[in-house]
C-alpha atoms as a PDB file:
ATOM      1  CA  UNK A   1      10.931 -41.064 -57.687  1.00  0.00           C
ATOM      2  CA  UNK A   2      14.403 -40.950 -59.198  1.00  0.00           C
ATOM      3  CA  UNK A   3      14.039 -37.190 -59.635  1.00  0.00           C
ATOM      4  CA  UNK A   4      13.192 -36.915 -55.920  1.00  0.00           C
ATOM      5  CA  UNK A   5      16.520 -38.515 -54.992  1.00  0.00           C
ATOM      6  CA  UNK A   6      18.390 -36.115 -57.245  1.00  0.00           C
ATOM      7  CA  UNK A   7      16.598 -33.128 -55.719  1.00  0.00           C
ATOM      8  CA  UNK A   8      17.337 -34.318 -52.185  1.00  0.00           C
ATOM      9  CA  UNK A   9      21.015 -34.870 -52.993  1.00  0.00           C
ATOM     10  CA  UNK A  10      21.243 -31.216 -53.996  1.00  0.00           C
ATOM     11  CA  UNK A  11      18.891 -29.691 -51.419  1.00  0.00           C
ATOM     12  CA  UNK A  12      19.783 -31.862 -48.449  1.00  0.00           C
ATOM     13  CA  UNK A  13      23.572 -32.033 -48.834  1.00  0.00           C
ATOM     14  CA  UNK A  14      24.563 -28.884 -50.735  1.00  0.00           C
ATOM     15  CA  UNK A  15      22.364 -25.782 -50.566  1.00  0.00           C
ATOM     16  CA  UNK A  16      18.705 -24.914 -49.862  1.00  0.00           C
ATOM     17  CA  UNK A  17      17.272 -21.442 -49.323  1.00  0.00           C
ATOM     18  CA  UNK A  18      14.698 -22.799 -46.851  1.00  0.00           C
ATOM     19  CA  UNK A  19      17.285 -24.497 -44.641  1.00  0.00           C
ATOM     20  CA  UNK A  20      17.980 -23.015 -41.200  1.00  0.00           C
ATOM     21  CA  UNK A  21      20.900 -24.566 -39.344  1.00  0.00           C
ATOM     22  CA  UNK A  22      21.052 -24.623 -35.555  1.00  0.00           C
ATOM     23  CA  UNK A  23      24.023 -25.394 -33.336  1.00  0.00           C
ATOM     24  CA  UNK A  24      22.050 -27.094 -30.554  1.00  0.00           C
ATOM     25  CA  UNK A  25      19.113 -28.607 -32.446  1.00  0.00           C
ATOM     26  CA  UNK A  26      18.538 -30.290 -35.770  1.00  0.00           C
ATOM     27  CA  UNK A  27      18.203 -28.368 -39.020  1.00  0.00           C
ATOM     28  CA  UNK A  28      14.863 -26.596 -39.566  1.00  0.00           C
ATOM     29  CA  UNK A  29      12.913 -25.838 -42.747  1.00  0.00           C
ATOM     30  CA  UNK A  30      11.124 -22.531 -43.454  1.00  0.00           C
ATOM     31  CA  UNK A  31       9.008 -23.813 -46.345  1.00  0.00           C
ATOM     32  CA  UNK A  32       5.319 -23.065 -45.695  1.00  0.00           C
ATOM     33  CA  UNK A  33       4.268 -26.486 -47.042  1.00  0.00           C
ATOM     34  CA  UNK A  34       6.575 -28.421 -44.719  1.00  0.00           C
ATOM     35  CA  UNK A  35       4.608 -30.900 -42.621  1.00  0.00           C
ATOM     36  CA  UNK A  36       6.857 -31.011 -39.535  1.00  0.00           C
ATOM     37  CA  UNK A  37       9.153 -27.992 -39.848  1.00  0.00           C
ATOM     38  CA  UNK A  38      12.267 -30.204 -39.889  1.00  0.00           C
ATOM     39  CA  UNK A  39      14.723 -30.619 -42.746  1.00  0.00           C
ATOM     40  CA  UNK A  40      14.866 -34.358 -43.523  1.00  0.00           C
ATOM     41  CA  UNK A  41      14.088 -36.709 -46.387  1.00  0.00           C
ATOM     42  CA  UNK A  42      10.547 -37.572 -45.313  1.00  0.00           C
ATOM     43  CA  UNK A  43       9.446 -34.013 -44.431  1.00  0.00           C
ATOM     44  CA  UNK A  44      10.918 -32.167 -47.424  1.00  0.00           C
ATOM     45  CA  UNK A  45       8.117 -30.891 -49.716  1.00  0.00           C
ATOM     46  CA  UNK A  46      10.574 -30.353 -52.586  1.00  0.00           C
ATOM     47  CA  UNK A  47      12.119 -33.823 -52.623  1.00  0.00           C
ATOM     48  CA  UNK A  48       8.781 -35.684 -52.367  1.00  0.00           C
ATOM     49  CA  UNK A  49       6.530 -35.760 -55.430  1.00  0.00           C
ATOM     50  CA  UNK A  50       3.789 -37.338 -53.283  1.00  0.00           C
ATOM     51  CA  UNK A  51       3.148 -35.072 -50.337  1.00  0.00           C
ATOM     52  CA  UNK A  52       0.318 -33.752 -48.142  1.00  0.00           C
ATOM     53  CA  UNK A  53       0.054 -31.063 -45.475  1.00  0.00           C
ATOM     54  CA  UNK A  54      -2.515 -29.053 -43.514  1.00  0.00           C
ATOM     55  CA  UNK A  55      -2.600 -25.241 -43.595  1.00  0.00           C
ATOM     56  CA  UNK A  56      -4.785 -22.484 -42.170  1.00  0.00           C
ATOM     57  CA  UNK A  57      -5.950 -19.359 -44.012  1.00  0.00           C
ATOM     58  CA  UNK A  58      -8.131 -16.727 -42.316  1.00  0.00           C
ATOM     59  CA  UNK A  59      -9.410 -19.227 -39.754  1.00  0.00           C
ATOM     60  CA  UNK A  60     -10.236 -21.945 -42.334  1.00  0.00           C
ATOM     61  CA  UNK A  61      -8.367 -25.258 -42.492  1.00  0.00           C
ATOM     62  CA  UNK A  62      -7.282 -26.772 -45.817  1.00  0.00           C
ATOM     63  CA  UNK A  63      -5.662 -30.052 -46.801  1.00  0.00           C
ATOM     64  CA  UNK A  64      -3.026 -29.640 -49.526  1.00  0.00           C
ATOM     65  CA  UNK A  65      -2.217 -32.740 -51.576  1.00  0.00           C
ATOM     66  CA  UNK A  66       0.558 -33.127 -54.179  1.00  0.00           C
ATOM     67  CA  UNK A  67       0.772 -36.125 -56.546  1.00  0.00           C
ATOM     68  CA  UNK A  68       3.356 -37.129 -59.216  1.00  0.00           C
ATOM     69  CA  UNK A  69       0.693 -36.917 -61.952  1.00  0.00           C
ATOM     70  CA  UNK A  70       0.609 -33.116 -61.610  1.00  0.00           C
ATOM     71  CA  UNK A  71       4.355 -32.602 -61.312  1.00  0.00           C
ATOM     72  CA  UNK A  72       4.617 -31.357 -64.914  1.00  0.00           C
ATOM     73  CA  UNK A  73       2.251 -28.388 -64.239  1.00  0.00           C
ATOM     74  CA  UNK A  74       3.434 -26.229 -61.329  1.00  0.00           C
ATOM     75  CA  UNK A  75       0.254 -24.127 -61.500  1.00  0.00           C
ATOM     76  CA  UNK A  76      -1.922 -27.136 -60.592  1.00  0.00           C
ATOM     77  CA  UNK A  77       0.642 -28.953 -58.499  1.00  0.00           C
ATOM     78  CA  UNK A  78      -1.219 -28.709 -55.168  1.00  0.00           C
ATOM     79  CA  UNK A  79      -4.841 -29.743 -54.688  1.00  0.00           C
ATOM     80  CA  UNK A  80      -6.542 -27.803 -51.903  1.00  0.00           C
ATOM     81  CA  UNK A  81      -9.362 -29.484 -49.978  1.00  0.00           C
ATOM     82  CA  UNK A  82     -11.337 -27.544 -47.392  1.00  0.00           C
ATOM     83  CA  UNK A  83     -11.695 -29.295 -44.043  1.00  0.00           C
ATOM     84  CA  UNK A  84     -14.671 -29.090 -41.714  1.00  0.00           C
ATOM     85  CA  UNK A  85     -14.709 -26.825 -38.663  1.00  0.00           C
ATOM     86  CA  UNK A  86     -15.528 -29.852 -36.532  1.00  0.00           C
ATOM     87  CA  UNK A  87     -12.417 -31.636 -35.381  1.00  0.00           C
ATOM     88  CA  UNK A  88     -13.796 -35.192 -35.679  1.00  0.00           C
ATOM     89  CA  UNK A  89     -15.182 -34.570 -39.165  1.00  0.00           C
ATOM     90  CA  UNK A  90     -11.837 -33.099 -40.288  1.00  0.00           C
ATOM     91  CA  UNK A  91     -10.011 -36.212 -39.083  1.00  0.00           C
ATOM     92  CA  UNK A  92     -12.411 -38.383 -41.076  1.00  0.00           C
ATOM     93  CA  UNK A  93     -11.778 -36.290 -44.165  1.00  0.00           C
ATOM     94  CA  UNK A  94      -8.010 -36.763 -43.811  1.00  0.00           C
ATOM     95  CA  UNK A  95      -8.444 -40.540 -43.489  1.00  0.00           C
ATOM     96  CA  UNK A  96     -10.695 -40.541 -46.549  1.00  0.00           C
ATOM     97  CA  UNK A  97      -8.381 -38.477 -48.741  1.00  0.00           C
ATOM     98  CA  UNK A  98      -5.145 -40.201 -47.654  1.00  0.00           C
ATOM     99  CA  UNK A  99      -6.241 -43.829 -47.810  1.00  0.00           C
ATOM    100  CA  UNK A 100      -3.185 -45.461 -49.393  1.00  0.00           C
ATOM    101  CA  UNK A 101      -0.637 -42.912 -48.274  1.00  0.00           C
ATOM    102  CA  UNK A 102       2.310 -43.604 -45.952  1.00  0.00           C
ATOM    103  CA  UNK A 103       1.471 -43.696 -42.268  1.00  0.00           C
ATOM    104  CA  UNK A 104       4.059 -40.993 -41.533  1.00  0.00           C
ATOM    105  CA  UNK A 105       2.280 -38.388 -43.688  1.00  0.00           C
ATOM    106  CA  UNK A 106      -1.189 -39.343 -42.380  1.00  0.00           C
ATOM    107  CA  UNK A 107      -0.056 -39.200 -38.737  1.00  0.00           C
ATOM    108  CA  UNK A 108       1.779 -35.874 -39.124  1.00  0.00           C
ATOM    109  CA  UNK A 109      -1.182 -34.337 -40.992  1.00  0.00           C
ATOM    110  CA  UNK A 110      -3.525 -35.257 -38.127  1.00  0.00           C
ATOM    111  CA  UNK A 111      -1.021 -33.950 -35.591  1.00  0.00           C
ATOM    112  CA  UNK A 112      -0.739 -30.666 -37.484  1.00  0.00           C
ATOM    113  CA  UNK A 113      -4.548 -30.416 -37.650  1.00  0.00           C
ATOM    114  CA  UNK A 114      -4.727 -30.830 -33.863  1.00  0.00           C
ATOM    115  CA  UNK A 115      -2.168 -28.073 -33.202  1.00  0.00           C
ATOM    116  CA  UNK A 116      -3.811 -25.615 -35.595  1.00  0.00           C
ATOM    117  CA  UNK A 117      -7.253 -26.295 -34.074  1.00  0.00           C
ATOM    118  CA  UNK A 118      -5.912 -25.669 -30.576  1.00  0.00           C
ATOM    119  CA  UNK A 119      -4.352 -22.320 -31.381  1.00  0.00           C
ATOM    120  CA  UNK A 120      -7.478 -21.226 -33.297  1.00  0.00           C
ATOM    121  CA  UNK A 121      -9.566 -21.923 -30.178  1.00  0.00           C
ATOM    122  CA  UNK A 122      -7.107 -19.919 -28.058  1.00  0.00           C
ATOM    123  CA  UNK A 123      -7.257 -17.015 -30.487  1.00  0.00           C
ATOM    124  CA  UNK A 124     -11.064 -16.970 -30.311  1.00  0.00           C
ATOM    125  CA  UNK A 125     -10.994 -16.953 -26.504  1.00  0.00           C
ATOM    126  CA  UNK A 126      -8.488 -14.107 -26.436  1.00  0.00           C
ATOM    127  CA  UNK A 127     -10.585 -12.126 -28.899  1.00  0.00           C
ATOM    128  CA  UNK A 128     -13.664 -12.562 -26.721  1.00  0.00           C
ATOM    129  CA  UNK A 129     -11.749 -11.467 -23.625  1.00  0.00           C
ATOM    130  CA  UNK A 130     -10.493  -8.359 -25.402  1.00  0.00           C
ATOM    131  CA  UNK A 131     -14.038  -7.450 -26.435  1.00  0.00           C
ATOM    132  CA  UNK A 132     -15.427  -7.974 -22.927  1.00  0.00           C
ATOM    133  CA  UNK A 133     -12.570  -6.256 -21.110  1.00  0.00           C
ATOM    134  CA  UNK A 134     -13.157  -2.505 -20.671  1.00  0.00           C
ATOM    135  CA  UNK A 135     -10.628  -0.124 -22.108  1.00  0.00           C
ATOM    136  CA  UNK A 136      -8.430   1.461 -19.454  1.00  0.00           C
ATOM    137  CA  UNK A 137      -7.754   5.162 -19.859  1.00  0.00           C
ATOM    138  CA  UNK A 138      -5.533   7.326 -17.697  1.00  0.00           C
ATOM    139  CA  UNK A 139      -7.375   9.940 -15.626  1.00  0.00           C
ATOM    140  CA  UNK A 140      -5.939  13.282 -14.536  1.00  0.00           C
ATOM    141  CA  UNK A 141      -7.763  14.514 -11.450  1.00  0.00           C
ATOM    142  CA  UNK A 142      -6.641  18.132 -11.732  1.00  0.00           C
ATOM    143  CA  UNK A 143      -7.721  18.378 -15.359  1.00  0.00           C
ATOM    144  CA  UNK A 144     -11.106  16.825 -14.616  1.00  0.00           C
ATOM    145  CA  UNK A 145     -11.651  19.141 -11.643  1.00  0.00           C
ATOM    146  CA  UNK A 146     -10.725  22.172 -13.731  1.00  0.00           C
ATOM    147  CA  UNK A 147     -13.058  21.135 -16.556  1.00  0.00           C
ATOM    148  CA  UNK A 148     -15.906  20.482 -14.115  1.00  0.00           C
ATOM    149  CA  UNK A 149     -15.571  23.950 -12.569  1.00  0.00           C
ATOM    150  CA  UNK A 150     -15.499  25.531 -16.015  1.00  0.00           C
ATOM    151  CA  UNK A 151     -18.638  23.649 -17.025  1.00  0.00           C
ATOM    152  CA  UNK A 152     -20.514  24.759 -13.912  1.00  0.00           C
ATOM    153  CA  UNK A 153     -19.485  28.393 -14.435  1.00  0.00           C
ATOM    154  CA  UNK A 154     -20.501  28.246 -18.088  1.00  0.00           C
ATOM    155  CA  UNK A 155     -23.903  26.772 -17.164  1.00  0.00           C
ATOM    156  CA  UNK A 156     -24.512  29.474 -14.573  1.00  0.00           C
ATOM    157  CA  UNK A 157     -23.577  32.209 -17.040  1.00  0.00           C
ATOM    158  CA  UNK A 158     -25.803  30.684 -19.714  1.00  0.00           C
ATOM    159  CA  UNK A 159     -28.770  30.448 -17.329  1.00  0.00           C
ATOM    160  CA  UNK A 160     -28.239  34.036 -16.207  1.00  0.00           C
ATOM    161  CA  UNK A 161     -28.021  35.293 -19.782  1.00  0.00           C
ATOM    162  CA  UNK A 162     -31.122  33.325 -20.760  1.00  0.00           C
ATOM    163  CA  UNK A 163     -33.125  34.713 -17.827  1.00  0.00           C
ATOM    164  CA  UNK A 164     -32.000  38.289 -18.571  1.00  0.00           C
ATOM    165  CA  UNK A 165     -32.835  37.897 -22.236  1.00  0.00           C
ATOM    166  CA  UNK A 166     -36.266  36.483 -21.421  1.00  0.00           C
ATOM    167  CA  UNK A 167     -37.035  39.320 -19.002  1.00  0.00           C
ATOM    168  CA  UNK A 168     -35.961  41.962 -21.512  1.00  0.00           C
ATOM    169  CA  UNK A 169     -38.087  40.415 -24.253  1.00  0.00           C
ATOM    170  CA  UNK A 170     -41.092  40.281 -21.934  1.00  0.00           C
ATOM    171  CA  UNK A 171     -40.668  43.951 -21.067  1.00  0.00           C
ATOM    172  CA  UNK A 172     -40.247  44.806 -24.730  1.00  0.00           C
ATOM    173  CA  UNK A 173     -43.463  42.955 -25.599  1.00  0.00           C
ATOM    174  CA  UNK A 174     -45.375  44.693 -22.792  1.00  0.00           C
ATOM    175  CA  UNK A 175     -44.244  48.067 -24.118  1.00  0.00           C
ATOM    176  CA  UNK A 176     -42.252  49.090 -21.090  1.00  0.00           C
ATOM    177  CA  UNK A 177     -39.684  50.811 -23.295  1.00  0.00           C
ATOM    178  CA  UNK A 178     -42.157  52.723 -25.469  1.00  0.00           C
ATOM    179  CA  UNK A 179     -43.053  52.467 -29.122  1.00  0.00           C
ATOM    180  CA  UNK A 180     -39.511  53.051 -30.398  1.00  0.00           C
ATOM    181  CA  UNK A 181     -37.009  51.911 -27.772  1.00  0.00           C
ATOM    182  CA  UNK A 182     -33.342  52.755 -28.063  1.00  0.00           C
ATOM    183  CA  UNK A 183     -30.388  50.331 -28.058  1.00  0.00           C
ATOM    184  CA  UNK A 184     -32.516  47.460 -29.366  1.00  0.00           C
ATOM    185  CA  UNK A 185     -31.465  45.188 -32.187  1.00  0.00           C
ATOM    186  CA  UNK A 186     -33.522  45.917 -35.286  1.00  0.00           C
ATOM    187  CA  UNK A 187     -34.180  42.228 -36.015  1.00  0.00           C
ATOM    188  CA  UNK A 188     -35.482  41.613 -32.492  1.00  0.00           C
ATOM    189  CA  UNK A 189     -37.731  44.659 -32.644  1.00  0.00           C
ATOM    190  CA  UNK A 190     -39.126  43.618 -36.041  1.00  0.00           C
ATOM    191  CA  UNK A 191     -39.828  40.120 -34.724  1.00  0.00           C
ATOM    192  CA  UNK A 192     -41.691  41.565 -31.728  1.00  0.00           C
ATOM    193  CA  UNK A 193     -43.750  43.819 -33.987  1.00  0.00           C
ATOM    194  CA  UNK A 194     -44.627  40.926 -36.296  1.00  0.00           C
ATOM    195  CA  UNK A 195     -45.763  38.808 -33.355  1.00  0.00           C
ATOM    196  CA  UNK A 196     -47.844  41.699 -32.038  1.00  0.00           C
ATOM    197  CA  UNK A 197     -49.476  42.247 -35.421  1.00  0.00           C
ATOM    198  CA  UNK A 198     -50.101  38.546 -35.896  1.00  0.00           C
ATOM    199  CA  UNK A 199     -52.358  38.458 -32.850  1.00  0.00           C
ATOM    200  CA  UNK A 200     -55.513  40.570 -33.220  1.00  0.00           C
ATOM    201  CA  UNK A 201     -58.186  40.558 -30.446  1.00  0.00           C
ATOM    202  CA  UNK A 202     -61.728  39.807 -31.606  1.00  0.00           C
ATOM    203  CA  UNK A 203     -65.002  41.125 -30.180  1.00  0.00           C
ATOM    204  CA  UNK A 204     -64.973  38.629 -27.298  1.00  0.00           C
ATOM    205  CA  UNK A 205     -61.439  39.550 -26.330  1.00  0.00           C
ATOM    206  CA  UNK A 206     -59.909  36.371 -27.741  1.00  0.00           C
ATOM    207  CA  UNK A 207     -56.750  36.660 -29.798  1.00  0.00           C
ATOM    208  CA  UNK A 208     -56.866  35.611 -33.411  1.00  0.00           C
ATOM    209  CA  UNK A 209     -53.759  34.627 -35.325  1.00  0.00           C
ATOM    210  CA  UNK A 210     -53.306  35.604 -38.938  1.00  0.00           C
ATOM    211  CA  UNK A 211     -52.932  32.953 -41.609  1.00  0.00           C
ATOM    212  CA  UNK A 212     -49.164  32.824 -41.566  1.00  0.00           C
ATOM    213  CA  UNK A 213     -49.012  29.092 -41.086  1.00  0.00           C
ATOM    214  CA  UNK A 214     -50.374  28.608 -44.565  1.00  0.00           C
ATOM    215  CA  UNK A 215     -47.638  30.748 -46.045  1.00  0.00           C
ATOM    216  CA  UNK A 216     -45.019  28.855 -44.045  1.00  0.00           C
ATOM    217  CA  UNK A 217     -46.419  25.548 -45.251  1.00  0.00           C
ATOM    218  CA  UNK A 218     -46.409  26.783 -48.822  1.00  0.00           C
ATOM    219  CA  UNK A 219     -42.799  27.894 -48.453  1.00  0.00           C
ATOM    220  CA  UNK A 220     -41.863  24.485 -47.041  1.00  0.00           C
ATOM    221  CA  UNK A 221     -43.627  22.780 -49.940  1.00  0.00           C
ATOM    222  CA  UNK A 222     -41.723  24.958 -52.405  1.00  0.00           C
ATOM    223  CA  UNK A 223     -38.443  24.115 -50.674  1.00  0.00           C
ATOM    224  CA  UNK A 224     -39.251  20.387 -50.761  1.00  0.00           C
ATOM    225  CA  UNK A 225     -40.102  20.619 -54.463  1.00  0.00           C
ATOM    226  CA  UNK A 226     -36.816  22.386 -55.180  1.00  0.00           C
ATOM    227  CA  UNK A 227     -34.903  19.747 -53.196  1.00  0.00           C
ATOM    228  CA  UNK A 228     -36.630  16.997 -55.176  1.00  0.00           C
ATOM    229  CA  UNK A 229     -35.705  18.685 -58.457  1.00  0.00           C
ATOM    230  CA  UNK A 230     -32.081  19.075 -57.377  1.00  0.00           C
ATOM    231  CA  UNK A 231     -31.912  15.418 -56.332  1.00  0.00           C
ATOM    232  CA  UNK A 232     -33.365  14.343 -59.677  1.00  0.00           C
ATOM    233  CA  UNK A 233     -30.753  16.427 -61.485  1.00  0.00           C
ATOM    234  CA  UNK A 234     -27.999  14.863 -59.365  1.00  0.00           C
ATOM    235  CA  UNK A 235     -29.304  11.371 -60.171  1.00  0.00           C
ATOM    236  CA  UNK A 236     -29.302  12.172 -63.882  1.00  0.00           C
ATOM    237  CA  UNK A 237     -25.754  13.473 -63.748  1.00  0.00           C
ATOM    238  CA  UNK A 238     -24.485  10.553 -61.669  1.00  0.00           C
ATOM    239  CA  UNK A 239     -24.228   8.245 -64.691  1.00  0.00           C
ATOM    240  CA  UNK A 240     -22.308  10.672 -66.859  1.00  0.00           C
ATOM    241  CA  UNK A 241     -18.623  10.129 -67.506  1.00  0.00           C
ATOM    242  CA  UNK A 242     -15.874  12.503 -68.392  1.00  0.00           C
ATOM    243  CA  UNK A 243     -12.470  11.796 -69.799  1.00  0.00           C
ATOM    244  CA  UNK A 244      -9.840  14.007 -68.242  1.00  0.00           C
ATOM    245  CA  UNK A 245      -6.188  13.964 -69.226  1.00  0.00           C
ATOM    246  CA  UNK A 246      -3.451  14.004 -66.633  1.00  0.00           C
ATOM    247  CA  UNK A 247      -1.919  17.157 -68.116  1.00  0.00           C
ATOM    248  CA  UNK A 248      -5.089  19.253 -67.844  1.00  0.00           C
ATOM    249  CA  UNK A 249      -4.084  20.926 -64.606  1.00  0.00           C
ATOM    250  CA  UNK A 250      -0.652  21.754 -65.940  1.00  0.00           C
ATOM    251  CA  UNK A 251      -2.163  23.226 -69.136  1.00  0.00           C
ATOM    252  CA  UNK A 252      -4.487  25.444 -67.075  1.00  0.00           C
ATOM    253  CA  UNK A 253      -1.550  26.637 -65.023  1.00  0.00           C
ATOM    254  CA  UNK A 254       0.399  27.456 -68.184  1.00  0.00           C
ATOM    255  CA  UNK A 255      -2.547  29.429 -69.603  1.00  0.00           C
ATOM    256  CA  UNK A 256      -2.929  31.400 -66.377  1.00  0.00           C
ATOM    257  CA  UNK A 257       0.790  32.114 -66.329  1.00  0.00           C
ATOM    258  CA  UNK A 258       0.672  33.264 -69.959  1.00  0.00           C
ATOM    259  CA  UNK A 259      -2.242  35.611 -69.265  1.00  0.00           C
ATOM    260  CA  UNK A 260      -0.328  37.186 -66.392  1.00  0.00           C
ATOM    261  CA  UNK A 261       2.786  37.768 -68.513  1.00  0.00           C
ATOM    262  CA  UNK A 262       2.770  41.028 -70.551  1.00  0.00           C
ATOM    263  CA  UNK A 263       2.445  40.643 -74.324  1.00  0.00           C
ATOM    264  CA  UNK A 264       4.725  42.089 -76.991  1.00  0.00           C
ATOM    265  CA  UNK A 265       2.127  44.716 -78.009  1.00  0.00           C
ATOM    266  CA  UNK A 266       1.934  45.951 -74.446  1.00  0.00           C
ATOM    267  CA  UNK A 267       5.719  46.168 -74.320  1.00  0.00           C
ATOM    268  CA  UNK A 268       5.801  48.182 -77.562  1.00  0.00           C
ATOM    269  CA  UNK A 269       3.093  50.578 -76.351  1.00  0.00           C
ATOM    270  CA  UNK A 270       4.930  51.056 -73.074  1.00  0.00           C
ATOM    271  CA  UNK A 271       8.138  51.808 -74.978  1.00  0.00           C
ATOM    272  CA  UNK A 272       6.356  54.392 -77.181  1.00  0.00           C
ATOM    273  CA  UNK A 273       4.861  56.116 -74.173  1.00  0.00           C
ATOM    274  CA  UNK A 274       8.196  56.212 -72.418  1.00  0.00           C
ATOM    275  CA  UNK A 275       9.848  57.704 -75.552  1.00  0.00           C
ATOM    276  CA  UNK A 276       7.188  60.430 -75.785  1.00  0.00           C
ATOM    277  CA  UNK A 277       7.501  61.358 -72.165  1.00  0.00           C
ATOM    278  CA  UNK A 278      11.284  61.695 -72.281  1.00  0.00           C
ATOM    279  CA  UNK A 279      12.605  65.279 -72.589  1.00  0.00           C
ATOM    280  CA  UNK A 280      16.129  66.588 -73.101  1.00  0.00           C
ATOM    281  CA  UNK A 281      17.799  67.014 -69.745  1.00  0.00           C
ATOM    282  CA  UNK A 282      18.559  70.589 -68.659  1.00  0.00           C
ATOM    283  CA  UNK A 283      21.681  71.826 -67.018  1.00  0.00           C
ATOM    284  CA  UNK A 284      19.910  72.435 -63.786  1.00  0.00           C
ATOM    285  CA  UNK A 285      18.610  68.895 -63.893  1.00  0.00           C
ATOM    286  CA  UNK A 286      22.117  67.573 -63.569  1.00  0.00           C
ATOM    287  CA  UNK A 287      22.379  69.054 -60.106  1.00  0.00           C
ATOM    288  CA  UNK A 288      20.972  67.152 -57.233  1.00  0.00           C
ATOM    289  CA  UNK A 289      17.872  68.816 -55.861  1.00  0.00           C
ATOM    290  CA  UNK A 290      17.726  69.428 -52.154  1.00  0.00           C
ATOM    291  CA  UNK A 291      15.120  67.420 -50.279  1.00  0.00           C
ATOM    292  CA  UNK A 292      11.948  69.294 -49.558  1.00  0.00           C
ATOM    293  CA  UNK A 293      11.381  70.075 -45.943  1.00  0.00           C
ATOM    294  CA  UNK A 294       8.128  68.847 -44.536  1.00  0.00           C
ATOM    295  CA  UNK A 295       5.604  71.433 -43.529  1.00  0.00           C
ATOM    296  CA  UNK A 296       5.562  71.663 -39.743  1.00  0.00           C
ATOM    297  CA  UNK A 297       1.939  72.749 -39.854  1.00  0.00           C
ATOM    298  CA  UNK A 298       0.935  69.445 -41.425  1.00  0.00           C
ATOM    299  CA  UNK A 299       2.246  67.441 -38.505  1.00  0.00           C
ATOM    300  CA  UNK A 300       0.250  69.307 -35.897  1.00  0.00           C
ATOM    301  CA  UNK A 301      -3.432  68.702 -36.076  1.00  0.00           C
ATOM    302  CA  UNK A 302      -4.474  72.142 -34.774  1.00  0.00           C
ATOM    303  CA  UNK A 303      -7.693  73.684 -36.125  1.00  0.00           C
ATOM    304  CA  UNK A 304      -7.328  76.604 -38.523  1.00  0.00           C
ATOM    305  CA  UNK A 305      -9.202  79.867 -37.943  1.00  0.00           C
ATOM    306  CA  UNK A 306      -9.899  82.253 -40.813  1.00  0.00           C
ATOM    307  CA  UNK A 307     -10.593  85.868 -39.901  1.00  0.00           C
ATOM    308  CA  UNK A 308     -12.107  88.496 -42.243  1.00  0.00           C
ATOM    309  CA  UNK A 309     -11.878  92.239 -41.586  1.00  0.00           C
ATOM    310  CA  UNK A 310     -14.454  94.704 -42.951  1.00  0.00           C
ATOM    311  CA  UNK A 311     -13.709  98.429 -43.160  1.00  0.00           C
ATOM    312  CA  UNK A 312     -16.486 100.999 -43.469  1.00  0.00           C
ATOM    313  CA  UNK A 313     -15.618 104.094 -45.551  1.00  0.00           C
ATOM    314  CA  UNK A 314     -17.613 107.294 -46.045  1.00  0.00           C
ATOM    315  CA  UNK A 315     -18.583 108.349 -49.582  1.00  0.00           C
ATOM    316  CA  UNK A 316     -16.192 110.851 -51.178  1.00  0.00           C
ATOM    317  CA  UNK A 317     -17.327 114.440 -51.706  1.00  0.00           C
ATOM    318  CA  UNK A 318     -16.972 116.458 -54.944  1.00  0.00           C
ATOM    319  CA  UNK A 319     -13.904 118.279 -53.657  1.00  0.00           C
ATOM    320  CA  UNK A 320     -12.203 114.999 -52.706  1.00  0.00           C
ATOM    321  CA  UNK A 321     -13.017 113.566 -56.092  1.00  0.00           C
ATOM    322  CA  UNK A 322     -11.516 116.636 -57.795  1.00  0.00           C
ATOM    323  CA  UNK A 323      -8.361 116.322 -55.724  1.00  0.00           C
ATOM    324  CA  UNK A 324      -8.227 112.553 -56.424  1.00  0.00           C
END
């Protein structure tokens, strides 16, 4: 108790980091364990080795009790006792825990419990109202009207395209365009041919379907088996662990950069080739050559016509050969 007086003489009259002075009201205390929020000798949690307060954490009420027996261990200085959600039961717990305590602390603890319970009830009501209240969103009439017209136009176009496509497929199946129609997608034509071959009329005129369903079922079974195998492999690999260093990415980048850079051997070979290709410069080479004029024929894309002339000559006689 003597240490409490020394602490209050320093905290109350000299300096305290929790103290908030006010010009119109009394001095307030910002310590979270303060019972009343005022800075005085009875309410100070630092200058009282025997102290109790009520606090709320995540909607749960707790009673914090400090006794002089635990003053030497700051880690275990406060004893936290959970209070009941029922208000009457919580009051009984406070009376039971603070039997021989001063009436000021017991009364203020109950008063603090009442205030915290009231604001918790208000918070629950507000939360329920927010959940029930519909969310208000601004509406733009012009934008909605524009989107509605676009949707109707798109639906009409889609219905028209679907009807045209259906009619064309029906005509194609009936053979209105012949055995090999033009301007038809190859995939569509192959699908029509497969459907036509799949249905074969029997003697009674009924159509019989080939056993393609069995092949489809077998393919689906194969796909399911492959999926099961892949899932089993993934499950086996899920428990594996790999140790990766932080510098792995940087090392890969350095290796890639080194592979892109030319090596010394390549530089030497390039130097040798350049030395072999070099020739002594001539006198004419010192002069600047005139730029070559572009061929005007190359610019014009006119077609070229090649003409061959054949001349018919009579065979030479003996006299002409003698004179030749």
